Amino acid sequence: MKDVTPGTRWRDAKKIIEKDERFAKFAISDRKTERDYKEWVEERKDAVLRDFKELLKETKIITYRSLKSIQENEQHLKDILAVLERERLLEQYLEELDKKGPPPPPTQQDAERRRK
């Protein structure tokens, strides 16, 4: 359900969910469903914030001197943001690889080519 994100409002999410066949058996108009959705949104936001803070802790370029460095020279902030962006992109890529799982064995790929 890629169209529904923690930033999606309930009324928009409801329209998307109603069109999805997987949710045909659920009572979408139910207030409990709306409350569950809002709880899910809060949980996701909390998780994102927690993950971001963890990323900040792991970023070696950020130290107790960072605030002073940023105030003296804006380049330090740009350096931090560049590191964070690279790490975020790397994490996204690793998550995609994890979802895909291991590649098929080379022999399976050869068999598929021969069938075509």
N, C-alpha and C. Protein backbone atom coordinates (compact mmCIF):
# COMPACT_ATOMS: atom_id res chain seq x y z
N MET A 1 0.85 -1.16 0.00
CA MET A 1 0.00 0.00 0.00
C MET A 1 0.91 1.23 0.00
N LYS A 2 1.52 1.48 -1.12
CA LYS A 2 2.51 2.55 -1.23
C LYS A 2 1.86 3.94 -1.27
N ASP A 3 0.58 4.01 -1.65
CA ASP A 3 -0.08 5.31 -1.77
C ASP A 3 -0.44 5.90 -0.42
N VAL A 4 -0.53 5.07 0.61
CA VAL A 4 -0.89 5.54 1.94
C VAL A 4 0.39 5.64 2.77
N THR A 5 0.70 6.86 3.18
CA THR A 5 1.88 7.11 3.99
C THR A 5 1.44 7.79 5.28
N PRO A 6 2.32 7.92 6.26
CA PRO A 6 1.94 8.62 7.48
C PRO A 6 1.50 10.07 7.25
N GLY A 7 1.86 10.63 6.12
CA GLY A 7 1.44 11.99 5.81
C GLY A 7 0.09 12.09 5.13
N THR A 8 -0.51 10.95 4.81
CA THR A 8 -1.80 10.92 4.13
C THR A 8 -2.92 11.16 5.14
N ARG A 9 -3.80 12.10 4.84
CA ARG A 9 -4.94 12.35 5.72
C ARG A 9 -5.91 11.19 5.66
N TRP A 10 -6.70 11.01 6.72
CA TRP A 10 -7.61 9.88 6.82
C TRP A 10 -8.58 9.84 5.65
N ARG A 11 -9.19 10.97 5.30
CA ARG A 11 -10.19 10.94 4.22
C ARG A 11 -9.57 10.52 2.89
N ASP A 12 -8.32 10.91 2.64
CA ASP A 12 -7.64 10.49 1.42
C ASP A 12 -7.26 9.01 1.49
N ALA A 13 -6.77 8.60 2.66
CA ALA A 13 -6.41 7.19 2.85
C ALA A 13 -7.64 6.31 2.71
N LYS A 14 -8.75 6.77 3.23
CA LYS A 14 -10.01 6.00 3.17
C LYS A 14 -10.41 5.74 1.72
N LYS A 15 -10.28 6.75 0.87
CA LYS A 15 -10.62 6.58 -0.56
C LYS A 15 -9.71 5.55 -1.22
N ILE A 16 -8.44 5.61 -0.90
CA ILE A 16 -7.48 4.66 -1.48
C ILE A 16 -7.77 3.25 -0.99
N ILE A 17 -8.02 3.13 0.31
CA ILE A 17 -8.28 1.82 0.91
C ILE A 17 -9.57 1.21 0.36
N GLU A 18 -10.59 2.02 0.18
CA GLU A 18 -11.88 1.52 -0.32
C GLU A 18 -11.73 0.90 -1.71
N LYS A 19 -10.81 1.40 -2.51
CA LYS A 19 -10.60 0.88 -3.86
C LYS A 19 -9.79 -0.41 -3.87
N ASP A 20 -9.07 -0.68 -2.79
CA ASP A 20 -8.19 -1.84 -2.71
C ASP A 20 -9.00 -3.08 -2.34
N GLU A 21 -8.92 -4.10 -3.18
CA GLU A 21 -9.70 -5.33 -2.98
C GLU A 21 -9.32 -6.05 -1.68
N ARG A 22 -8.09 -5.90 -1.24
CA ARG A 22 -7.64 -6.59 -0.02
C ARG A 22 -8.41 -6.13 1.22
N PHE A 23 -9.01 -4.94 1.15
CA PHE A 23 -9.72 -4.40 2.30
C PHE A 23 -11.23 -4.44 2.13
N ALA A 24 -11.72 -5.21 1.16
CA ALA A 24 -13.15 -5.27 0.88
C ALA A 24 -13.96 -5.78 2.07
N LYS A 25 -13.39 -6.64 2.89
CA LYS A 25 -14.12 -7.24 4.01
C LYS A 25 -14.14 -6.35 5.25
N PHE A 26 -13.39 -5.28 5.25
CA PHE A 26 -13.32 -4.42 6.43
C PHE A 26 -14.31 -3.27 6.35
N ALA A 27 -14.79 -2.84 7.50
CA ALA A 27 -15.71 -1.70 7.58
C ALA A 27 -14.86 -0.43 7.63
N ILE A 28 -14.67 0.18 6.49
CA ILE A 28 -13.79 1.35 6.38
C ILE A 28 -14.42 2.58 7.03
N SER A 29 -15.74 2.67 7.03
CA SER A 29 -16.40 3.86 7.56
C SER A 29 -16.45 3.85 9.09
N ASP A 30 -16.07 2.78 9.69
CA ASP A 30 -16.11 2.62 11.14
C ASP A 30 -15.17 3.61 11.84
N ARG A 31 -15.62 4.20 12.94
CA ARG A 31 -14.79 5.16 13.69
C ARG A 31 -13.55 4.48 14.28
N LYS A 32 -13.69 3.21 14.63
CA LYS A 32 -12.56 2.48 15.18
C LYS A 32 -11.45 2.37 14.12
N THR A 33 -11.84 2.16 12.88
CA THR A 33 -10.86 2.07 11.80
C THR A 33 -10.12 3.39 11.66
N GLU A 34 -10.85 4.49 11.74
CA GLU A 34 -10.22 5.81 11.66
C GLU A 34 -9.26 6.00 12.84
N ARG A 35 -9.68 5.62 14.02
CA ARG A 35 -8.82 5.75 15.20
C ARG A 35 -7.57 4.87 15.05
N ASP A 36 -7.75 3.64 14.54
CA ASP A 36 -6.61 2.75 14.31
C ASP A 36 -5.64 3.36 13.30
N TYR A 37 -6.19 3.98 12.26
CA TYR A 37 -5.35 4.61 11.25
C TYR A 37 -4.53 5.74 11.87
N LYS A 38 -5.21 6.57 12.67
CA LYS A 38 -4.51 7.70 13.30
C LYS A 38 -3.44 7.21 14.26
N GLU A 39 -3.70 6.11 14.96
CA GLU A 39 -2.68 5.52 15.84
C GLU A 39 -1.50 5.02 15.01
N TRP A 40 -1.79 4.39 13.86
CA TRP A 40 -0.73 3.90 12.98
C TRP A 40 0.13 5.07 12.50
N VAL A 41 -0.52 6.17 12.13
CA VAL A 41 0.21 7.35 11.66
C VAL A 41 1.15 7.85 12.77
N GLU A 42 0.64 7.94 13.98
CA GLU A 42 1.47 8.41 15.09
C GLU A 42 2.64 7.45 15.35
N GLU A 43 2.36 6.15 15.30
CA GLU A 43 3.42 5.16 15.51
C GLU A 43 4.50 5.29 14.43
N ARG A 44 4.08 5.47 13.18
CA ARG A 44 5.05 5.61 12.08
C ARG A 44 5.87 6.88 12.25
N LYS A 45 5.21 7.98 12.62
CA LYS A 45 5.94 9.24 12.82
C LYS A 45 6.95 9.10 13.95
N ASP A 46 6.53 8.44 15.04
CA ASP A 46 7.44 8.22 16.16
C ASP A 46 8.63 7.36 15.72
N ALA A 47 8.36 6.33 14.93
CA ALA A 47 9.43 5.44 14.46
C ALA A 47 10.39 6.20 13.55
N VAL A 48 9.86 7.03 12.68
CA VAL A 48 10.71 7.81 11.77
C VAL A 48 11.59 8.77 12.58
N LEU A 49 10.99 9.43 13.55
CA LEU A 49 11.75 10.35 14.39
C LEU A 49 12.82 9.61 15.18
N ARG A 50 12.48 8.46 15.73
CA ARG A 50 13.43 7.64 16.48
C ARG A 50 14.59 7.20 15.58
N ASP A 51 14.25 6.75 14.36
CA ASP A 51 15.28 6.33 13.41
C ASP A 51 16.19 7.49 13.02
N PHE A 52 15.58 8.67 12.83
CA PHE A 52 16.37 9.84 12.45
C PHE A 52 17.33 10.22 13.58
N LYS A 53 16.85 10.20 14.81
CA LYS A 53 17.72 10.52 15.94
C LYS A 53 18.86 9.51 16.06
N GLU A 54 18.55 8.25 15.79
CA GLU A 54 19.58 7.21 15.82
C GLU A 54 20.62 7.48 14.72
N LEU A 55 20.15 7.88 13.55
CA LEU A 55 21.06 8.22 12.46
C LEU A 55 21.96 9.39 12.86
N LEU A 56 21.37 10.38 13.52
CA LEU A 56 22.18 11.52 13.97
C LEU A 56 23.26 11.07 14.95
N LYS A 57 22.90 10.16 15.85
CA LYS A 57 23.89 9.67 16.83
C LYS A 57 25.02 8.92 16.14
N GLU A 58 24.71 8.22 15.06
CA GLU A 58 25.71 7.42 14.36
C GLU A 58 26.58 8.25 13.41
N THR A 59 26.16 9.47 13.13
CA THR A 59 26.89 10.32 12.20
C THR A 59 28.07 10.94 12.93
N LYS A 60 29.25 10.49 12.57
CA LYS A 60 30.47 10.88 13.29
C LYS A 60 30.83 12.36 13.12
N ILE A 61 30.34 12.98 12.08
CA ILE A 61 30.68 14.38 11.84
C ILE A 61 29.95 15.31 12.82
N ILE A 62 28.91 14.80 13.48
CA ILE A 62 28.16 15.60 14.45
C ILE A 62 28.73 15.34 15.84
N THR A 63 29.20 16.42 16.47
CA THR A 63 29.78 16.31 17.81
C THR A 63 29.22 17.43 18.68
N TYR A 64 29.73 17.51 19.89
CA TYR A 64 29.30 18.57 20.80
C TYR A 64 29.72 19.95 20.29
N ARG A 65 30.67 19.99 19.36
CA ARG A 65 31.14 21.26 18.80
C ARG A 65 30.38 21.69 17.55
N SER A 66 29.46 20.87 17.09
CA SER A 66 28.79 21.13 15.82
C SER A 66 28.00 22.44 15.81
N LEU A 67 27.27 22.73 16.87
CA LEU A 67 26.47 23.96 16.90
C LEU A 67 27.37 25.19 16.74
N LYS A 68 28.46 25.21 17.47
CA LYS A 68 29.38 26.35 17.37
C LYS A 68 29.98 26.42 15.97
N SER A 69 30.33 25.27 15.40
CA SER A 69 30.90 25.24 14.05
C SER A 69 29.91 25.76 13.02
N ILE A 70 28.65 25.40 13.18
CA ILE A 70 27.61 25.86 12.24
C ILE A 70 27.43 27.36 12.37
N GLN A 71 27.44 27.86 13.60
CA GLN A 71 27.27 29.30 13.81
C GLN A 71 28.44 30.09 13.21
N GLU A 72 29.62 29.51 13.25
CA GLU A 72 30.80 30.18 12.71
C GLU A 72 30.92 30.01 11.20
N ASN A 73 30.50 28.86 10.71
CA ASN A 73 30.67 28.55 9.29
C ASN A 73 29.53 27.65 8.83
N GLU A 74 28.72 28.14 7.93
CA GLU A 74 27.56 27.39 7.46
C GLU A 74 27.96 26.12 6.69
N GLN A 75 29.17 26.05 6.24
CA GLN A 75 29.63 24.87 5.49
C GLN A 75 29.54 23.61 6.33
N HIS A 76 29.74 23.72 7.63
CA HIS A 76 29.64 22.53 8.50
C HIS A 76 28.23 21.94 8.44
N LEU A 77 27.22 22.78 8.43
CA LEU A 77 25.84 22.30 8.31
C LEU A 77 25.64 21.62 6.96
N LYS A 78 26.18 22.19 5.91
CA LYS A 78 26.07 21.58 4.58
C LYS A 78 26.76 20.22 4.55
N ASP A 79 27.90 20.12 5.22
CA ASP A 79 28.61 18.84 5.30
C ASP A 79 27.77 17.79 6.02
N ILE A 80 27.16 18.19 7.13
CA ILE A 80 26.31 17.27 7.89
C ILE A 80 25.14 16.80 7.04
N LEU A 81 24.48 17.73 6.37
CA LEU A 81 23.32 17.38 5.54
C LEU A 81 23.71 16.45 4.40
N ALA A 82 24.88 16.68 3.82
CA ALA A 82 25.35 15.81 2.73
C ALA A 82 25.57 14.39 3.24
N VAL A 83 26.18 14.26 4.41
CA VAL A 83 26.42 12.93 4.99
C VAL A 83 25.10 12.24 5.28
N LEU A 84 24.16 12.97 5.88
CA LEU A 84 22.86 12.38 6.22
C LEU A 84 22.11 11.92 4.97
N GLU A 85 22.17 12.71 3.91
CA GLU A 85 21.48 12.34 2.67
C GLU A 85 22.08 11.08 2.08
N ARG A 86 23.39 10.99 2.07
CA ARG A 86 24.04 9.78 1.55
C ARG A 86 23.65 8.56 2.38
N GLU A 87 23.65 8.71 3.70
CA GLU A 87 23.29 7.59 4.56
C GLU A 87 21.83 7.18 4.34
N ARG A 88 20.95 8.15 4.16
CA ARG A 88 19.53 7.85 3.93
C ARG A 88 19.36 7.09 2.63
N LEU A 89 20.06 7.52 1.59
CA LEU A 89 19.97 6.84 0.30
C LEU A 89 20.54 5.42 0.40
N LEU A 90 21.63 5.27 1.12
CA LEU A 90 22.21 3.95 1.32
C LEU A 90 21.24 3.04 2.06
N GLU A 91 20.62 3.55 3.11
CA GLU A 91 19.66 2.74 3.86
C GLU A 91 18.47 2.33 2.99
N GLN A 92 17.97 3.24 2.17
CA GLN A 92 16.86 2.91 1.28
C GLN A 92 17.26 1.79 0.32
N TYR A 93 18.45 1.91 -0.24
CA TYR A 93 18.93 0.90 -1.18
C TYR A 93 19.07 -0.46 -0.49
N LEU A 94 19.62 -0.46 0.71
CA LEU A 94 19.79 -1.72 1.45
C LEU A 94 18.44 -2.34 1.80
N GLU A 95 17.46 -1.51 2.14
CA GLU A 95 16.11 -2.02 2.43
C GLU A 95 15.49 -2.64 1.19
N GLU A 96 15.69 -2.00 0.04
CA GLU A 96 15.17 -2.56 -1.22
C GLU A 96 15.80 -3.91 -1.51
N LEU A 97 17.11 -4.01 -1.33
CA LEU A 97 17.79 -5.29 -1.55
C LEU A 97 17.28 -6.36 -0.60
N ASP A 98 17.04 -5.97 0.64
CA ASP A 98 16.55 -6.91 1.64
C ASP A 98 15.16 -7.42 1.26
N LYS A 99 14.31 -6.55 0.75
CA LYS A 99 12.95 -6.95 0.34
C LYS A 99 13.00 -7.90 -0.85
N LYS A 100 13.92 -7.65 -1.78
CA LYS A 100 14.02 -8.50 -2.97
C LYS A 100 14.55 -9.88 -2.62
N GLY A 101 15.40 -9.95 -1.63
CA GLY A 101 15.99 -11.23 -1.26
C GLY A 101 17.14 -11.58 -2.18
N PRO A 102 17.66 -12.80 -2.04
CA PRO A 102 18.82 -13.18 -2.85
C PRO A 102 18.44 -13.31 -4.33
N PRO A 103 19.38 -13.05 -5.21
CA PRO A 103 19.09 -13.20 -6.64
C PRO A 103 18.93 -14.68 -6.99
N PRO A 104 18.21 -14.96 -8.07
CA PRO A 104 18.07 -16.36 -8.47
C PRO A 104 19.42 -16.92 -8.91
N PRO A 105 19.60 -18.23 -8.79
CA PRO A 105 20.88 -18.80 -9.22
C PRO A 105 21.08 -18.61 -10.72
N PRO A 106 22.32 -18.51 -11.17
CA PRO A 106 22.60 -18.29 -12.59
C PRO A 106 21.97 -19.34 -13.49
N THR A 107 21.89 -20.57 -13.03
CA THR A 107 21.30 -21.63 -13.86
C THR A 107 19.82 -21.38 -14.11
N GLN A 108 19.12 -20.81 -13.13
CA GLN A 108 17.70 -20.50 -13.30
C GLN A 108 17.53 -19.38 -14.32
N GLN A 109 18.40 -18.40 -14.30
CA GLN A 109 18.32 -17.30 -15.25
C GLN A 109 18.55 -17.81 -16.67
N ASP A 110 19.49 -18.74 -16.85
CA ASP A 110 19.76 -19.30 -18.17
C ASP A 110 18.54 -20.06 -18.69
N ALA A 111 17.88 -20.80 -17.82
CA ALA A 111 16.69 -21.56 -18.23
C ALA A 111 15.58 -20.63 -18.67
N GLU A 112 15.42 -19.51 -17.97
CA GLU A 112 14.39 -18.54 -18.34
C GLU A 112 14.69 -17.91 -19.70
N ARG A 113 15.94 -17.66 -19.98
CA ARG A 113 16.32 -17.07 -21.28
C ARG A 113 16.04 -18.03 -22.43
N ARG A 114 16.28 -19.31 -22.18
CA ARG A 114 16.07 -20.30 -23.24
C ARG A 114 14.59 -20.44 -23.58
N ARG A 115 13.72 -20.25 -22.60
CA ARG A 115 12.28 -20.37 -22.85
C ARG A 115 11.75 -19.24 -23.72
N LYS A 116 12.40 -18.12 -23.70
CA LYS A 116 11.91 -16.95 -24.45
C LYS A 116 12.20 -17.07 -25.88
